[in-house]
Full PDB file with SEQRES, HELIX, SHEET, SSBOND, CRYST1, ORIGX, SCALE, CONECT and MASTER records, all heavy atoms in Angstrom:
SEQRES   1 A   37  LYS GLU LEU PHE SER PHE LEU ASN TRP LEU ASP ALA THR          
SEQRES   2 A   37  SER ARG PHE SER TRP ILE LYS PRO ARG GLY LEU ASP GLN          
SEQRES   3 A   37  ILE SER ARG LYS ILE ALA GLU LEU ASP VAL GLU                  
HELIX    1 AA1 GLU A    2  ALA A   12  1                                  11    
HELIX    2 AA2 LEU A   24  GLN A   26  5                                   3    
CRYST1    1.000    1.000    1.000  90.00  90.00  90.00 P 1           1          
ORIGX1      1.000000  0.000000  0.000000        0.00000                         
ORIGX2      0.000000  1.000000  0.000000        0.00000                         
ORIGX3      0.000000  0.000000  1.000000        0.00000                         
SCALE1      1.000000  0.000000  0.000000        0.00000                         
SCALE2      0.000000  1.000000  0.000000        0.00000                         
SCALE3      0.000000  0.000000  1.000000        0.00000                         
ATOM      1  N   LYS A   1       8.114 -31.472  -7.774  1.00  0.00           N  
ATOM      2  CA  LYS A   1       8.869 -32.394  -8.628  1.00  0.00           C  
ATOM      3  C   LYS A   1       8.766 -33.826  -8.090  1.00  0.00           C  
ATOM      4  O   LYS A   1       8.562 -34.781  -8.847  1.00  0.00           O  
ATOM      5  CB  LYS A   1      10.333 -31.959  -8.696  1.00  0.00           C  
ATOM      6  CG  LYS A   1      11.185 -32.835  -9.600  1.00  0.00           C  
ATOM      7  CD  LYS A   1      12.621 -32.332  -9.643  1.00  0.00           C  
ATOM      8  CE  LYS A   1      13.482 -33.247 -10.520  1.00  0.00           C  
ATOM      9  NZ  LYS A   1      14.900 -32.779 -10.547  1.00  0.00           N  
ATOM     10  N   GLU A   2       8.882 -33.981  -6.774  1.00  0.00           N  
ATOM     11  CA  GLU A   2       8.768 -35.307  -6.162  1.00  0.00           C  
ATOM     12  C   GLU A   2       7.362 -35.859  -6.330  1.00  0.00           C  
ATOM     13  O   GLU A   2       7.159 -37.067  -6.544  1.00  0.00           O  
ATOM     14  CB  GLU A   2       9.119 -35.226  -4.670  1.00  0.00           C  
ATOM     15  CG  GLU A   2       9.364 -36.569  -4.004  1.00  0.00           C  
ATOM     16  CD  GLU A   2      10.643 -37.211  -4.476  1.00  0.00           C  
ATOM     17  OE1 GLU A   2      11.726 -36.661  -4.211  1.00  0.00           O  
ATOM     18  OE2 GLU A   2      10.551 -38.275  -5.126  1.00  0.00           O  
ATOM     19  N   LEU A   3       6.370 -34.982  -6.243  1.00  0.00           N  
ATOM     20  CA  LEU A   3       4.980 -35.405  -6.392  1.00  0.00           C  
ATOM     21  C   LEU A   3       4.724 -35.957  -7.791  1.00  0.00           C  
ATOM     22  O   LEU A   3       4.078 -37.010  -7.953  1.00  0.00           O  
ATOM     23  CB  LEU A   3       4.062 -34.217  -6.102  1.00  0.00           C  
ATOM     24  CG  LEU A   3       2.581 -34.508  -5.857  1.00  0.00           C  
ATOM     25  CD1 LEU A   3       2.405 -35.480  -4.716  1.00  0.00           C  
ATOM     26  CD2 LEU A   3       1.852 -33.211  -5.557  1.00  0.00           C  
ATOM     27  N   PHE A   4       5.237 -35.296  -8.809  1.00  0.00           N  
ATOM     28  CA  PHE A   4       5.060 -35.792 -10.177  1.00  0.00           C  
ATOM     29  C   PHE A   4       5.856 -37.073 -10.414  1.00  0.00           C  
ATOM     30  O   PHE A   4       5.416 -37.944 -11.172  1.00  0.00           O  
ATOM     31  CB  PHE A   4       5.451 -34.712 -11.189  1.00  0.00           C  
ATOM     32  CG  PHE A   4       4.325 -33.779 -11.523  1.00  0.00           C  
ATOM     33  CD1 PHE A   4       4.189 -32.568 -10.867  1.00  0.00           C  
ATOM     34  CD2 PHE A   4       3.375 -34.122 -12.479  1.00  0.00           C  
ATOM     35  CE1 PHE A   4       3.142 -31.705 -11.156  1.00  0.00           C  
ATOM     36  CE2 PHE A   4       2.327 -33.267 -12.790  1.00  0.00           C  
ATOM     37  CZ  PHE A   4       2.206 -32.048 -12.122  1.00  0.00           C  
ATOM     38  N   SER A   5       6.999 -37.199  -9.789  1.00  0.00           N  
ATOM     39  CA  SER A   5       7.754 -38.460  -9.883  1.00  0.00           C  
ATOM     40  C   SER A   5       6.924 -39.603  -9.324  1.00  0.00           C  
ATOM     41  O   SER A   5       6.879 -40.705  -9.893  1.00  0.00           O  
ATOM     42  CB  SER A   5       9.076 -38.345  -9.119  1.00  0.00           C  
ATOM     43  OG  SER A   5       9.921 -37.393  -9.703  1.00  0.00           O  
ATOM     44  N   PHE A   6       6.266 -39.339  -8.192  1.00  0.00           N  
ATOM     45  CA  PHE A   6       5.421 -40.367  -7.573  1.00  0.00           C  
ATOM     46  C   PHE A   6       4.244 -40.722  -8.479  1.00  0.00           C  
ATOM     47  O   PHE A   6       3.943 -41.908  -8.692  1.00  0.00           O  
ATOM     48  CB  PHE A   6       4.916 -39.851  -6.220  1.00  0.00           C  
ATOM     49  CG  PHE A   6       3.746 -40.604  -5.677  1.00  0.00           C  
ATOM     50  CD1 PHE A   6       3.877 -41.919  -5.237  1.00  0.00           C  
ATOM     51  CD2 PHE A   6       2.490 -40.007  -5.621  1.00  0.00           C  
ATOM     52  CE1 PHE A   6       2.781 -42.624  -4.749  1.00  0.00           C  
ATOM     53  CE2 PHE A   6       1.394 -40.692  -5.134  1.00  0.00           C  
ATOM     54  CZ  PHE A   6       1.539 -42.011  -4.689  1.00  0.00           C  
ATOM     55  N   LEU A   7       3.561 -39.720  -9.033  1.00  0.00           N  
ATOM     56  CA  LEU A   7       2.389 -39.983  -9.863  1.00  0.00           C  
ATOM     57  C   LEU A   7       2.769 -40.727 -11.143  1.00  0.00           C  
ATOM     58  O   LEU A   7       2.032 -41.628 -11.580  1.00  0.00           O  
ATOM     59  CB  LEU A   7       1.683 -38.669 -10.200  1.00  0.00           C  
ATOM     60  CG  LEU A   7       1.043 -37.925  -9.010  1.00  0.00           C  
ATOM     61  CD1 LEU A   7       0.535 -36.564  -9.438  1.00  0.00           C  
ATOM     62  CD2 LEU A   7      -0.083 -38.757  -8.396  1.00  0.00           C  
ATOM     63  N   ASN A   8       3.899 -40.387 -11.734  1.00  0.00           N  
ATOM     64  CA  ASN A   8       4.342 -41.101 -12.937  1.00  0.00           C  
ATOM     65  C   ASN A   8       4.710 -42.549 -12.613  1.00  0.00           C  
ATOM     66  O   ASN A   8       4.428 -43.456 -13.399  1.00  0.00           O  
ATOM     67  CB  ASN A   8       5.541 -40.377 -13.567  1.00  0.00           C  
ATOM     68  CG  ASN A   8       5.141 -39.079 -14.235  1.00  0.00           C  
ATOM     69  OD1 ASN A   8       4.039 -38.950 -14.763  1.00  0.00           O  
ATOM     70  ND2 ASN A   8       6.027 -38.094 -14.213  1.00  0.00           N  
ATOM     71  N   TRP A   9       5.350 -42.754 -11.463  1.00  0.00           N  
ATOM     72  CA  TRP A   9       5.660 -44.130 -11.043  1.00  0.00           C  
ATOM     73  C   TRP A   9       4.375 -44.908 -10.775  1.00  0.00           C  
ATOM     74  O   TRP A   9       4.260 -46.082 -11.149  1.00  0.00           O  
ATOM     75  CB  TRP A   9       6.523 -44.097  -9.777  1.00  0.00           C  
ATOM     76  CG  TRP A   9       6.603 -45.429  -9.091  1.00  0.00           C  
ATOM     77  CD1 TRP A   9       7.439 -46.459  -9.378  1.00  0.00           C  
ATOM     78  CD2 TRP A   9       5.763 -45.884  -8.016  1.00  0.00           C  
ATOM     79  NE1 TRP A   9       7.194 -47.529  -8.557  1.00  0.00           N  
ATOM     80  CE2 TRP A   9       6.165 -47.209  -7.711  1.00  0.00           C  
ATOM     81  CE3 TRP A   9       4.729 -45.323  -7.282  1.00  0.00           C  
ATOM     82  CZ2 TRP A   9       5.569 -47.957  -6.699  1.00  0.00           C  
ATOM     83  CZ3 TRP A   9       4.127 -46.060  -6.277  1.00  0.00           C  
ATOM     84  CH2 TRP A   9       4.542 -47.351  -5.998  1.00  0.00           C  
ATOM     85  N   LEU A  10       3.413 -44.256 -10.127  1.00  0.00           N  
ATOM     86  CA  LEU A  10       2.156 -44.914  -9.785  1.00  0.00           C  
ATOM     87  C   LEU A  10       1.417 -45.358 -11.042  1.00  0.00           C  
ATOM     88  O   LEU A  10       0.775 -46.419 -11.057  1.00  0.00           O  
ATOM     89  CB  LEU A  10       1.288 -43.952  -8.958  1.00  0.00           C  
ATOM     90  CG  LEU A  10      -0.003 -44.504  -8.362  1.00  0.00           C  
ATOM     91  CD1 LEU A  10       0.282 -45.672  -7.424  1.00  0.00           C  
ATOM     92  CD2 LEU A  10      -0.752 -43.401  -7.611  1.00  0.00           C  
ATOM     93  N   ASP A  11       1.533 -44.580 -12.090  1.00  0.00           N  
ATOM     94  CA  ASP A  11       0.902 -44.940 -13.358  1.00  0.00           C  
ATOM     95  C   ASP A  11       1.619 -46.113 -14.027  1.00  0.00           C  
ATOM     96  O   ASP A  11       0.987 -46.956 -14.674  1.00  0.00           O  
ATOM     97  CB  ASP A  11       0.919 -43.722 -14.296  1.00  0.00           C  
ATOM     98  CG  ASP A  11       0.399 -44.054 -15.683  1.00  0.00           C  
ATOM     99  OD1 ASP A  11      -0.785 -44.402 -15.801  1.00  0.00           O  
ATOM    100  OD2 ASP A  11       1.196 -43.973 -16.633  1.00  0.00           O  
ATOM    101  N   ALA A  12       2.944 -46.208 -13.832  1.00  0.00           N  
ATOM    102  CA  ALA A  12       3.724 -47.235 -14.530  1.00  0.00           C  
ATOM    103  C   ALA A  12       3.807 -48.554 -13.780  1.00  0.00           C  
ATOM    104  O   ALA A  12       3.962 -49.613 -14.390  1.00  0.00           O  
ATOM    105  CB  ALA A  12       5.144 -46.712 -14.795  1.00  0.00           C  
ATOM    106  N   THR A  13       3.712 -48.513 -12.442  1.00  0.00           N  
ATOM    107  CA  THR A  13       3.925 -49.725 -11.661  1.00  0.00           C  
ATOM    108  C   THR A  13       2.760 -50.700 -11.788  1.00  0.00           C  
ATOM    109  O   THR A  13       1.601 -50.298 -12.005  1.00  0.00           O  
ATOM    110  CB  THR A  13       4.141 -49.380 -10.179  1.00  0.00           C  
ATOM    111  OG1 THR A  13       4.446 -50.593  -9.467  1.00  0.00           O  
ATOM    112  CG2 THR A  13       2.898 -48.755  -9.564  1.00  0.00           C  
ATOM    113  N   SER A  14       3.066 -51.976 -11.644  1.00  0.00           N  
ATOM    114  CA  SER A  14       2.021 -53.011 -11.656  1.00  0.00           C  
ATOM    115  C   SER A  14       1.504 -53.303 -10.252  1.00  0.00           C  
ATOM    116  O   SER A  14       0.579 -54.104 -10.089  1.00  0.00           O  
ATOM    117  CB  SER A  14       2.582 -54.301 -12.278  1.00  0.00           C  
ATOM    118  OG  SER A  14       3.709 -54.768 -11.542  1.00  0.00           O  
ATOM    119  N   ARG A  15       2.102 -52.657  -9.249  1.00  0.00           N  
ATOM    120  CA  ARG A  15       1.669 -52.884  -7.868  1.00  0.00           C  
ATOM    121  C   ARG A  15       0.264 -52.340  -7.623  1.00  0.00           C  
ATOM    122  O   ARG A  15      -0.479 -52.847  -6.790  1.00  0.00           O  
ATOM    123  CB  ARG A  15       2.652 -52.222  -6.894  1.00  0.00           C  
ATOM    124  CG  ARG A  15       4.012 -52.884  -6.828  1.00  0.00           C  
ATOM    125  CD  ARG A  15       3.925 -54.230  -6.125  1.00  0.00           C  
ATOM    126  NE  ARG A  15       3.454 -54.101  -4.775  1.00  0.00           N  
ATOM    127  CZ  ARG A  15       4.243 -53.913  -3.725  1.00  0.00           C  
ATOM    128  NH1 ARG A  15       5.551 -53.823  -3.898  1.00  0.00           N  
ATOM    129  NH2 ARG A  15       3.736 -53.832  -2.512  1.00  0.00           N  
ATOM    130  N   PHE A  16      -0.075 -51.268  -8.330  1.00  0.00           N  
ATOM    131  CA  PHE A  16      -1.407 -50.668  -8.219  1.00  0.00           C  
ATOM    132  C   PHE A  16      -1.971 -50.511  -9.628  1.00  0.00           C  
ATOM    133  O   PHE A  16      -1.232 -50.414 -10.597  1.00  0.00           O  
ATOM    134  CB  PHE A  16      -1.335 -49.315  -7.516  1.00  0.00           C  
ATOM    135  CG  PHE A  16      -0.734 -49.365  -6.139  1.00  0.00           C  
ATOM    136  CD1 PHE A  16       0.623 -49.144  -5.947  1.00  0.00           C  
ATOM    137  CD2 PHE A  16      -1.518 -49.652  -5.033  1.00  0.00           C  
ATOM    138  CE1 PHE A  16       1.186 -49.196  -4.689  1.00  0.00           C  
ATOM    139  CE2 PHE A  16      -0.973 -49.707  -3.776  1.00  0.00           C  
ATOM    140  CZ  PHE A  16       0.386 -49.487  -3.599  1.00  0.00           C  
ATOM    141  N   SER A  17      -3.273 -50.473  -9.721  1.00  0.00           N  
ATOM    142  CA  SER A  17      -3.915 -50.409 -11.035  1.00  0.00           C  
ATOM    143  C   SER A  17      -4.341 -48.989 -11.393  1.00  0.00           C  
ATOM    144  O   SER A  17      -5.245 -48.787 -12.200  1.00  0.00           O  
ATOM    145  CB  SER A  17      -5.140 -51.338 -11.054  1.00  0.00           C  
ATOM    146  OG  SER A  17      -4.755 -52.660 -10.786  1.00  0.00           O  
ATOM    147  N   TRP A  18      -3.704 -48.015 -10.796  1.00  0.00           N  
ATOM    148  CA  TRP A  18      -4.061 -46.611 -11.031  1.00  0.00           C  
ATOM    149  C   TRP A  18      -3.515 -46.157 -12.380  1.00  0.00           C  
ATOM    150  O   TRP A  18      -2.369 -46.458 -12.744  1.00  0.00           O  
ATOM    151  CB  TRP A  18      -3.490 -45.748  -9.921  1.00  0.00           C  
ATOM    152  CG  TRP A  18      -3.903 -44.298  -9.968  1.00  0.00           C  
ATOM    153  CD1 TRP A  18      -5.072 -43.764  -9.515  1.00  0.00           C  
ATOM    154  CD2 TRP A  18      -3.125 -43.204 -10.494  1.00  0.00           C  
ATOM    155  NE1 TRP A  18      -5.077 -42.408  -9.721  1.00  0.00           N  
ATOM    156  CE2 TRP A  18      -3.900 -42.040 -10.324  1.00  0.00           C  
ATOM    157  CE3 TRP A  18      -1.881 -43.117 -11.101  1.00  0.00           C  
ATOM    158  CZ2 TRP A  18      -3.445 -40.794 -10.713  1.00  0.00           C  
ATOM    159  CZ3 TRP A  18      -1.432 -41.867 -11.509  1.00  0.00           C  
ATOM    160  CH2 TRP A  18      -2.213 -40.727 -11.313  1.00  0.00           C  
ATOM    161  N   ILE A  19      -4.318 -45.442 -13.129  1.00  0.00           N  
ATOM    162  CA  ILE A  19      -3.918 -44.875 -14.417  1.00  0.00           C  
ATOM    163  C   ILE A  19      -4.039 -43.360 -14.321  1.00  0.00           C  
ATOM    164  O   ILE A  19      -5.081 -42.840 -13.896  1.00  0.00           O  
ATOM    165  CB  ILE A  19      -4.806 -45.400 -15.564  1.00  0.00           C  
ATOM    166  CG1 ILE A  19      -4.676 -46.935 -15.667  1.00  0.00           C  
ATOM    167  CG2 ILE A  19      -4.431 -44.738 -16.883  1.00  0.00           C  
ATOM    168  CD1 ILE A  19      -5.607 -47.549 -16.686  1.00  0.00           C  
ATOM    169  N   LYS A  20      -2.968 -42.660 -14.697  1.00  0.00           N  
ATOM    170  CA  LYS A  20      -3.001 -41.205 -14.527  1.00  0.00           C  
ATOM    171  C   LYS A  20      -4.059 -40.600 -15.440  1.00  0.00           C  
ATOM    172  O   LYS A  20      -4.216 -41.001 -16.601  1.00  0.00           O  
ATOM    173  CB  LYS A  20      -1.624 -40.591 -14.790  1.00  0.00           C  
ATOM    174  CG  LYS A  20      -1.079 -40.698 -16.189  1.00  0.00           C  
ATOM    175  CD  LYS A  20       0.293 -40.020 -16.254  1.00  0.00           C  
ATOM    176  CE  LYS A  20       0.889 -40.080 -17.645  1.00  0.00           C  
ATOM    177  NZ  LYS A  20       2.229 -39.447 -17.694  1.00  0.00           N  
ATOM    178  N   PRO A  21      -4.785 -39.636 -14.920  1.00  0.00           N  
ATOM    179  CA  PRO A  21      -5.875 -39.032 -15.699  1.00  0.00           C  
ATOM    180  C   PRO A  21      -5.352 -38.155 -16.831  1.00  0.00           C  
ATOM    181  O   PRO A  21      -4.237 -37.628 -16.768  1.00  0.00           O  
ATOM    182  CB  PRO A  21      -6.623 -38.200 -14.645  1.00  0.00           C  
ATOM    183  CG  PRO A  21      -5.599 -37.890 -13.609  1.00  0.00           C  
ATOM    184  CD  PRO A  21      -4.682 -39.075 -13.567  1.00  0.00           C  
ATOM    185  N   ARG A  22      -6.160 -38.019 -17.871  1.00  0.00           N  
ATOM    186  CA  ARG A  22      -5.797 -37.154 -18.989  1.00  0.00           C  
ATOM    187  C   ARG A  22      -5.704 -35.711 -18.514  1.00  0.00           C  
ATOM    188  O   ARG A  22      -6.556 -35.236 -17.766  1.00  0.00           O  
ATOM    189  CB  ARG A  22      -6.850 -37.266 -20.091  1.00  0.00           C  
ATOM    190  CG  ARG A  22      -6.475 -36.535 -21.371  1.00  0.00           C  
ATOM    191  CD  ARG A  22      -7.521 -36.769 -22.442  1.00  0.00           C  
ATOM    192  NE  ARG A  22      -8.824 -36.259 -22.036  1.00  0.00           N  
ATOM    193  CZ  ARG A  22      -9.919 -36.334 -22.782  1.00  0.00           C  
ATOM    194  NH1 ARG A  22      -9.867 -36.934 -23.971  1.00  0.00           N  
ATOM    195  NH2 ARG A  22     -11.066 -35.831 -22.359  1.00  0.00           N  
ATOM    196  N   GLY A  23      -4.642 -35.050 -18.913  1.00  0.00           N  
ATOM    197  CA  GLY A  23      -4.444 -33.655 -18.507  1.00  0.00           C  
ATOM    198  C   GLY A  23      -3.538 -33.495 -17.300  1.00  0.00           C  
ATOM    199  O   GLY A  23      -3.289 -32.360 -16.858  1.00  0.00           O  
ATOM    200  N   LEU A  24      -3.013 -34.597 -16.759  1.00  0.00           N  
ATOM    201  CA  LEU A  24      -2.156 -34.507 -15.575  1.00  0.00           C  
ATOM    202  C   LEU A  24      -0.914 -33.653 -15.837  1.00  0.00           C  
ATOM    203  O   LEU A  24      -0.538 -32.823 -15.017  1.00  0.00           O  
ATOM    204  CB  LEU A  24      -1.740 -35.911 -15.120  1.00  0.00           C  
ATOM    205  CG  LEU A  24      -0.824 -35.971 -13.897  1.00  0.00           C  
ATOM    206  CD1 LEU A  24      -1.581 -35.543 -12.644  1.00  0.00           C  
ATOM    207  CD2 LEU A  24      -0.253 -37.374 -13.699  1.00  0.00           C  
ATOM    208  N   ASP A  25      -0.306 -33.850 -16.999  1.00  0.00           N  
ATOM    209  CA  ASP A  25       0.929 -33.134 -17.303  1.00  0.00           C  
ATOM    210  C   ASP A  25       0.699 -31.645 -17.565  1.00  0.00           C  
ATOM    211  O   ASP A  25       1.657 -30.875 -17.629  1.00  0.00           O  
ATOM    212  CB  ASP A  25       1.612 -33.764 -18.526  1.00  0.00           C  
ATOM    213  CG  ASP A  25       2.062 -35.187 -18.263  1.00  0.00           C  
ATOM    214  OD1 ASP A  25       2.368 -35.488 -17.088  1.00  0.00           O  
ATOM    215  OD2 ASP A  25       2.087 -36.000 -19.211  1.00  0.00           O  
ATOM    216  N   GLN A  26      -0.573 -31.262 -17.743  1.00  0.00           N  
ATOM    217  CA  GLN A  26      -0.870 -29.843 -17.999  1.00  0.00           C  
ATOM    218  C   GLN A  26      -1.192 -29.078 -16.715  1.00  0.00           C  
ATOM    219  O   GLN A  26      -1.470 -27.876 -16.756  1.00  0.00           O  
ATOM    220  CB  GLN A  26      -2.056 -29.712 -18.962  1.00  0.00           C  
ATOM    221  CG  GLN A  26      -1.676 -29.843 -20.434  1.00  0.00           C  
ATOM    222  CD  GLN A  26      -1.238 -31.234 -20.803  1.00  0.00           C  
ATOM    223  OE1 GLN A  26      -1.956 -32.193 -20.512  1.00  0.00           O  
ATOM    224  NE2 GLN A  26      -0.086 -31.364 -21.442  1.00  0.00           N  
ATOM    225  N   ILE A  27      -1.133 -29.751 -15.565  1.00  0.00           N  
ATOM    226  CA  ILE A  27      -1.402 -29.054 -14.303  1.00  0.00           C  
ATOM    227  C   ILE A  27      -0.339 -27.981 -14.091  1.00  0.00           C  
ATOM    228  O   ILE A  27       0.859 -28.234 -14.221  1.00  0.00           O  
ATOM    229  CB  ILE A  27      -1.397 -30.040 -13.118  1.00  0.00           C  
ATOM    230  CG1 ILE A  27      -2.568 -31.027 -13.244  1.00  0.00           C  
ATOM    231  CG2 ILE A  27      -1.492 -29.299 -11.786  1.00  0.00           C  
ATOM    232  CD1 ILE A  27      -2.593 -32.082 -12.161  1.00  0.00           C  
ATOM    233  N   SER A  28      -0.759 -26.780 -13.761  1.00  0.00           N  
ATOM    234  CA  SER A  28       0.171 -25.668 -13.560  1.00  0.00           C  
ATOM    235  C   SER A  28       1.071 -25.919 -12.350  1.00  0.00           C  
ATOM    236  O   SER A  28       0.613 -26.332 -11.282  1.00  0.00           O  
ATOM    237  CB  SER A  28      -0.606 -24.370 -13.348  1.00  0.00           C  
ATOM    238  OG  SER A  28       0.262 -23.312 -13.011  1.00  0.00           O  
ATOM    239  N   ARG A  29       2.360 -25.661 -12.551  1.00  0.00           N  
ATOM    240  CA  ARG A  29       3.334 -25.824 -11.458  1.00  0.00           C  
ATOM    241  C   ARG A  29       3.875 -24.474 -10.986  1.00  0.00           C  
ATOM    242  O   ARG A  29       4.892 -24.412 -10.301  1.00  0.00           O  
ATOM    243  CB  ARG A  29       4.502 -26.696 -11.926  1.00  0.00           C  
ATOM    244  CG  ARG A  29       4.078 -28.035 -12.499  1.00  0.00           C  
ATOM    245  CD  ARG A  29       5.275 -28.910 -12.798  1.00  0.00           C  
ATOM    246  NE  ARG A  29       4.901 -30.101 -13.562  1.00  0.00           N  
ATOM    247  CZ  ARG A  29       5.712 -31.126 -13.804  1.00  0.00           C  
ATOM    248  NH1 ARG A  29       6.944 -31.098 -13.336  1.00  0.00           N  
ATOM    249  NH2 ARG A  29       5.304 -32.158 -14.508  1.00  0.00           N  
ATOM    250  N   LYS A  30       3.194 -23.394 -11.345  1.00  0.00           N  
ATOM    251  CA  LYS A  30       3.665 -22.057 -10.992  1.00  0.00           C  
ATOM    252  C   LYS A  30       3.639 -21.864  -9.478  1.00  0.00           C  
ATOM    253  O   LYS A  30       2.629 -22.102  -8.820  1.00  0.00           O  
ATOM    254  CB  LYS A  30       2.785 -21.009 -11.672  1.00  0.00           C  
ATOM    255  CG  LYS A  30       3.282 -19.584 -11.462  1.00  0.00           C  
ATOM    256  CD  LYS A  30       2.412 -18.575 -12.203  1.00  0.00           C  
ATOM    257  CE  LYS A  30       2.915 -17.156 -11.990  1.00  0.00           C  
ATOM    258  NZ  LYS A  30       2.069 -16.164 -12.703  1.00  0.00           N  
ATOM    259  N   ILE A  31       4.761 -21.408  -8.941  1.00  0.00           N  
ATOM    260  CA  ILE A  31       4.902 -21.219  -7.495  1.00  0.00           C  
ATOM    261  C   ILE A  31       4.433 -19.822  -7.106  1.00  0.00           C  
ATOM    262  O   ILE A  31       4.748 -18.831  -7.785  1.00  0.00           O  
ATOM    263  CB  ILE A  31       6.373 -21.400  -7.060  1.00  0.00           C  
ATOM    264  CG1 ILE A  31       6.941 -22.703  -7.597  1.00  0.00           C  
ATOM    265  CG2 ILE A  31       6.504 -21.343  -5.545  1.00  0.00           C  
ATOM    266  CD1 ILE A  31       6.266 -23.944  -7.084  1.00  0.00           C  
ATOM    267  N   ALA A  32       3.669 -19.742  -6.033  1.00  0.00           N  
ATOM    268  CA  ALA A  32       3.197 -18.447  -5.543  1.00  0.00           C  
ATOM    269  C   ALA A  32       4.379 -17.587  -5.110  1.00  0.00           C  
ATOM    270  O   ALA A  32       5.353 -18.091  -4.544  1.00  0.00           O  
ATOM    271  CB  ALA A  32       2.239 -18.652  -4.374  1.00  0.00           C  
ATOM    272  N   GLU A  33       4.282 -16.293  -5.380  1.00  0.00           N  
ATOM    273  CA  GLU A  33       5.363 -15.357  -5.051  1.00  0.00           C  
ATOM    274  C   GLU A  33       4.912 -14.435  -3.930  1.00  0.00           C  
ATOM    275  O   GLU A  33       3.815 -13.867  -3.966  1.00  0.00           O  
ATOM    276  CB  GLU A  33       5.730 -14.545  -6.295  1.00  0.00           C  
ATOM    277  CG  GLU A  33       7.027 -13.800  -6.174  1.00  0.00           C  
ATOM    278  CD  GLU A  33       7.463 -13.206  -7.501  1.00  0.00           C  
ATOM    279  OE1 GLU A  33       6.576 -12.868  -8.322  1.00  0.00           O  
ATOM    280  OE2 GLU A  33       8.670 -13.075  -7.727  1.00  0.00           O  
ATOM    281  N   LEU A  34       5.755 -14.284  -2.908  1.00  0.00           N  
ATOM    282  CA  LEU A  34       5.436 -13.436  -1.776  1.00  0.00           C  
ATOM    283  C   LEU A  34       5.688 -11.971  -2.134  1.00  0.00           C  
ATOM    284  O   LEU A  34       6.491 -11.654  -3.021  1.00  0.00           O  
ATOM    285  CB  LEU A  34       6.289 -13.824  -0.567  1.00  0.00           C  
ATOM    286  CG  LEU A  34       6.206 -15.293  -0.119  1.00  0.00           C  
ATOM    287  CD1 LEU A  34       7.146 -15.531   1.059  1.00  0.00           C  
ATOM    288  CD2 LEU A  34       4.779 -15.657   0.256  1.00  0.00           C  
ATOM    289  N   ASP A  35       5.034 -11.081  -1.404  1.00  0.00           N  
ATOM    290  CA  ASP A  35       5.194  -9.643  -1.658  1.00  0.00           C  
ATOM    291  C   ASP A  35       6.641  -9.199  -1.465  1.00  0.00           C  
ATOM    292  O   ASP A  35       7.157  -8.383  -2.225  1.00  0.00           O  
ATOM    293  CB  ASP A  35       4.281  -8.840  -0.727  1.00  0.00           C  
ATOM    294  CG  ASP A  35       2.807  -9.027  -1.073  1.00  0.00           C  
ATOM    295  OD1 ASP A  35       2.522  -9.421  -2.227  1.00  0.00           O  
ATOM    296  OD2 ASP A  35       1.952  -8.779  -0.204  1.00  0.00           O  
ATOM    297  N   VAL A  36       7.296  -9.753  -0.425  1.00  0.00           N  
ATOM    298  CA  VAL A  36       8.683  -9.366  -0.152  1.00  0.00           C  
ATOM    299  C   VAL A  36       9.603  -9.817  -1.286  1.00  0.00           C  
ATOM    300  O   VAL A  36      10.591  -9.148  -1.606  1.00  0.00           O  
ATOM    301  CB  VAL A  36       9.142  -9.941   1.207  1.00  0.00           C  
ATOM    302  CG1 VAL A  36       9.198 -11.472   1.166  1.00  0.00           C  
ATOM    303  CG2 VAL A  36      10.505  -9.379   1.593  1.00  0.00           C  
ATOM    304  N   GLU A  37       9.275 -10.950  -1.916  1.00  0.00           N  
ATOM    305  CA  GLU A  37      10.076 -11.431  -3.042  1.00  0.00           C  
ATOM    306  C   GLU A  37       9.882 -10.539  -4.265  1.00  0.00           C  
ATOM    307  O   GLU A  37      10.826 -10.286  -5.018  1.00  0.00           O  
ATOM    308  CB  GLU A  37       9.706 -12.874  -3.366  1.00  0.00           C  
ATOM    309  CG  GLU A  37      10.104 -13.852  -2.268  1.00  0.00           C  
ATOM    310  CD  GLU A  37       9.523 -15.232  -2.483  1.00  0.00           C  
ATOM    311  OE1 GLU A  37       8.552 -15.366  -3.262  1.00  0.00           O  
ATOM    312  OE2 GLU A  37      10.026 -16.185  -1.863  1.00  0.00           O  
TER     313      GLU A  37                                                      
MASTER        0    0    0    2    0    0    0    6  312    1    0    3          
END                                                                             
């Protein structure tokens, strides 16, 4: 969640000229599940 907050800010800020790539929001956020879980 913090990582996506950073990337969205990086895309919006004028401090850097980075533009988020197409498909960023479709990156899977599924968390790996351990066997014990």
